């Protein structure tokens, strides 16, 4: 049995989303993996940092690039609980990340709605696992927010 599966890494991203949820941020979490090792983590911190660019993916990309000492992430995989937005898709393009795995689709602001070709041509895109868990956490957050 392989220990480091897509389920394992998406669960690590989901843990980051739960931190965001607890801090009153939109619950999106991300991890970047290189050679089966998590090298960067991020969760939405737009409220905490008062910064509209502080999305989980953006924070994880910056952290991974600092860790590797490179602006390119060709040998890395991103696991994120929500389909990246156009801003994050653009950053993923410039980083030339190897793979993007996202859980919940974002029918309103996901990059695939605006520009499905935004990722680098060599980047492989996958949906799943943990789609329903990620969607449920987002629904719970927005339900709580409206009360």
Protein backbone atom coordinates (compact mmCIF):
# COMPACT_ATOMS: atom_id res chain seq x y z
CA UNK A 1 0.00 0.00 0.00
CA UNK A 2 1.33 3.40 -0.97
CA UNK A 3 1.35 5.91 1.88
CA UNK A 4 1.62 9.13 -0.13
CA UNK A 5 -1.49 9.08 -2.31
CA UNK A 6 -3.58 11.84 -3.82
CA UNK A 7 -6.04 11.26 -0.95
CA UNK A 8 -3.28 11.76 1.59
CA UNK A 9 -2.09 15.06 0.13
CA UNK A 10 -5.60 16.42 -0.46
CA UNK A 11 -6.34 15.63 3.18
CA UNK A 12 -3.30 17.72 4.13
CA UNK A 13 -4.75 20.60 2.08
CA UNK A 14 -8.12 20.03 3.77
CA UNK A 15 -6.46 20.44 7.18
CA UNK A 16 -5.30 23.88 6.01
CA UNK A 17 -8.85 24.72 4.90
CA UNK A 18 -10.10 23.84 8.39
CA UNK A 19 -7.59 26.29 9.90
CA UNK A 20 -8.99 28.99 7.59
CA UNK A 21 -12.53 28.06 8.66
CA UNK A 22 -11.61 28.35 12.35
CA UNK A 23 -10.04 31.77 11.72
CA UNK A 24 -13.14 33.08 9.90
CA UNK A 25 -11.50 32.95 6.47
CA UNK A 26 -13.05 31.36 3.38
CA UNK A 27 -12.03 27.73 3.97
CA UNK A 28 -9.58 26.97 1.20
CA UNK A 29 -6.36 25.11 1.86
CA UNK A 30 -3.40 24.18 -0.30
CA UNK A 31 -0.20 22.18 -0.10
CA UNK A 32 2.62 21.87 -2.61
CA UNK A 33 4.37 18.53 -2.86
CA UNK A 34 7.79 17.75 -4.31
CA UNK A 35 9.10 14.17 -4.43
CA UNK A 36 6.28 12.95 -2.14
CA UNK A 37 7.09 15.58 0.48
CA UNK A 38 4.96 18.57 1.48
CA UNK A 39 7.26 21.56 0.97
CA UNK A 40 4.68 24.34 1.38
CA UNK A 41 1.28 24.92 2.97
CA UNK A 42 -1.21 27.73 2.73
CA UNK A 43 -4.73 28.70 3.62
CA UNK A 44 -6.78 31.75 2.76
CA UNK A 45 -5.67 34.74 4.84
CA UNK A 46 -7.26 37.67 2.99
CA UNK A 47 -8.97 39.00 6.14
CA UNK A 48 -6.06 38.36 8.50
CA UNK A 49 -3.50 40.01 6.21
CA UNK A 50 -5.95 42.57 4.74
CA UNK A 51 -4.70 41.45 1.32
CA UNK A 52 -6.94 40.32 -1.54
CA UNK A 53 -4.04 38.30 -3.01
CA UNK A 54 -3.53 36.19 0.14
CA UNK A 55 -5.22 33.11 -1.33
CA UNK A 56 -4.11 29.67 -0.17
CA UNK A 57 -2.45 28.91 -3.50
CA UNK A 58 -0.57 32.22 -3.67
CA UNK A 59 0.86 31.76 -0.17
CA UNK A 60 1.82 28.16 -0.92
CA UNK A 61 3.46 29.09 -4.25
CA UNK A 62 5.61 31.78 -2.59
CA UNK A 63 6.56 29.42 0.23
CA UNK A 64 7.49 26.60 -2.19
CA UNK A 65 9.57 28.92 -4.37
CA UNK A 66 11.41 30.18 -1.29
CA UNK A 67 11.99 26.61 -0.08
CA UNK A 68 13.37 25.49 -3.45
CA UNK A 69 15.20 28.73 -4.20
CA UNK A 70 13.57 28.78 -7.63
CA UNK A 71 10.65 30.54 -9.26
CA UNK A 72 9.77 27.38 -11.16
CA UNK A 73 7.83 24.48 -9.66
CA UNK A 74 7.94 22.06 -12.64
CA UNK A 75 8.56 19.01 -10.41
CA UNK A 76 5.84 19.95 -7.92
CA UNK A 77 2.16 19.18 -7.44
CA UNK A 78 -0.42 21.54 -5.95
CA UNK A 79 -3.30 20.08 -3.95
CA UNK A 80 -6.03 22.64 -3.25
CA UNK A 81 -9.54 22.22 -1.84
CA UNK A 82 -11.19 24.63 -4.31
CA UNK A 83 -10.63 25.20 -8.01
CA UNK A 84 -8.14 28.09 -8.32
CA UNK A 85 -9.36 31.52 -9.43
CA UNK A 86 -7.92 33.33 -12.46
CA UNK A 87 -5.31 35.16 -10.33
CA UNK A 88 -4.05 31.90 -8.84
CA UNK A 89 -4.24 30.18 -12.23
CA UNK A 90 -2.00 32.91 -13.66
CA UNK A 91 0.50 32.49 -10.84
CA UNK A 92 0.46 28.71 -11.39
CA UNK A 93 1.13 29.34 -15.09
CA UNK A 94 4.20 31.49 -14.34
CA UNK A 95 5.49 28.97 -11.79
CA UNK A 96 5.16 26.21 -14.43
CA UNK A 97 3.86 23.86 -11.75
CA UNK A 98 3.81 20.21 -12.83
CA UNK A 99 0.34 19.21 -11.62
CA UNK A 100 -2.73 20.85 -10.11
CA UNK A 101 -5.19 18.71 -8.13
CA UNK A 102 -8.32 20.51 -6.93
CA UNK A 103 -11.29 19.19 -4.99
CA UNK A 104 -14.43 21.36 -5.26
CA UNK A 105 -15.18 23.14 -8.52
CA UNK A 106 -15.87 26.88 -8.34
CA UNK A 107 -18.74 27.61 -10.74
CA UNK A 108 -18.58 31.36 -10.09
CA UNK A 109 -14.90 32.28 -9.86
CA UNK A 110 -12.91 29.23 -10.92
CA UNK A 111 -10.35 29.74 -13.67
CA UNK A 112 -12.08 27.16 -15.89
CA UNK A 113 -15.13 29.47 -16.12
CA UNK A 114 -13.02 32.40 -17.37
CA UNK A 115 -10.03 30.86 -19.10
CA UNK A 116 -9.67 27.07 -19.10
CA UNK A 117 -6.33 27.42 -20.93
CA UNK A 118 -4.71 29.64 -18.26
CA UNK A 119 -2.41 26.93 -16.85
CA UNK A 120 0.97 26.25 -18.44
CA UNK A 121 0.63 23.81 -21.38
CA UNK A 122 2.82 21.25 -19.55
CA UNK A 123 0.77 21.44 -16.32
CA UNK A 124 -1.49 18.43 -15.78
CA UNK A 125 -4.90 19.16 -14.22
CA UNK A 126 -6.94 16.76 -12.07
CA UNK A 127 -10.15 17.04 -10.06
CA UNK A 128 -10.59 15.17 -6.78
CA UNK A 129 -10.39 13.63 -4.29
CA UNK A 130 -12.38 15.05 -1.34
CA UNK A 131 -14.81 16.98 -3.52
CA UNK A 132 -17.84 16.56 -1.24
CA UNK A 133 -15.91 17.28 1.99
CA UNK A 134 -14.49 20.49 0.52
CA UNK A 135 -17.88 21.59 -0.83
CA UNK A 136 -19.50 20.86 2.54
CA UNK A 137 -16.94 22.94 4.45
CA UNK A 138 -17.52 25.89 2.09
CA UNK A 139 -21.32 25.57 2.40
CA UNK A 140 -21.06 25.44 6.19
CA UNK A 141 -18.85 28.54 6.21
CA UNK A 142 -21.18 30.64 4.06
CA UNK A 143 -24.26 29.41 5.98
CA UNK A 144 -22.58 30.52 9.23
CA UNK A 145 -21.59 33.84 7.65
CA UNK A 146 -25.17 34.66 6.65
CA UNK A 147 -26.49 34.19 10.21
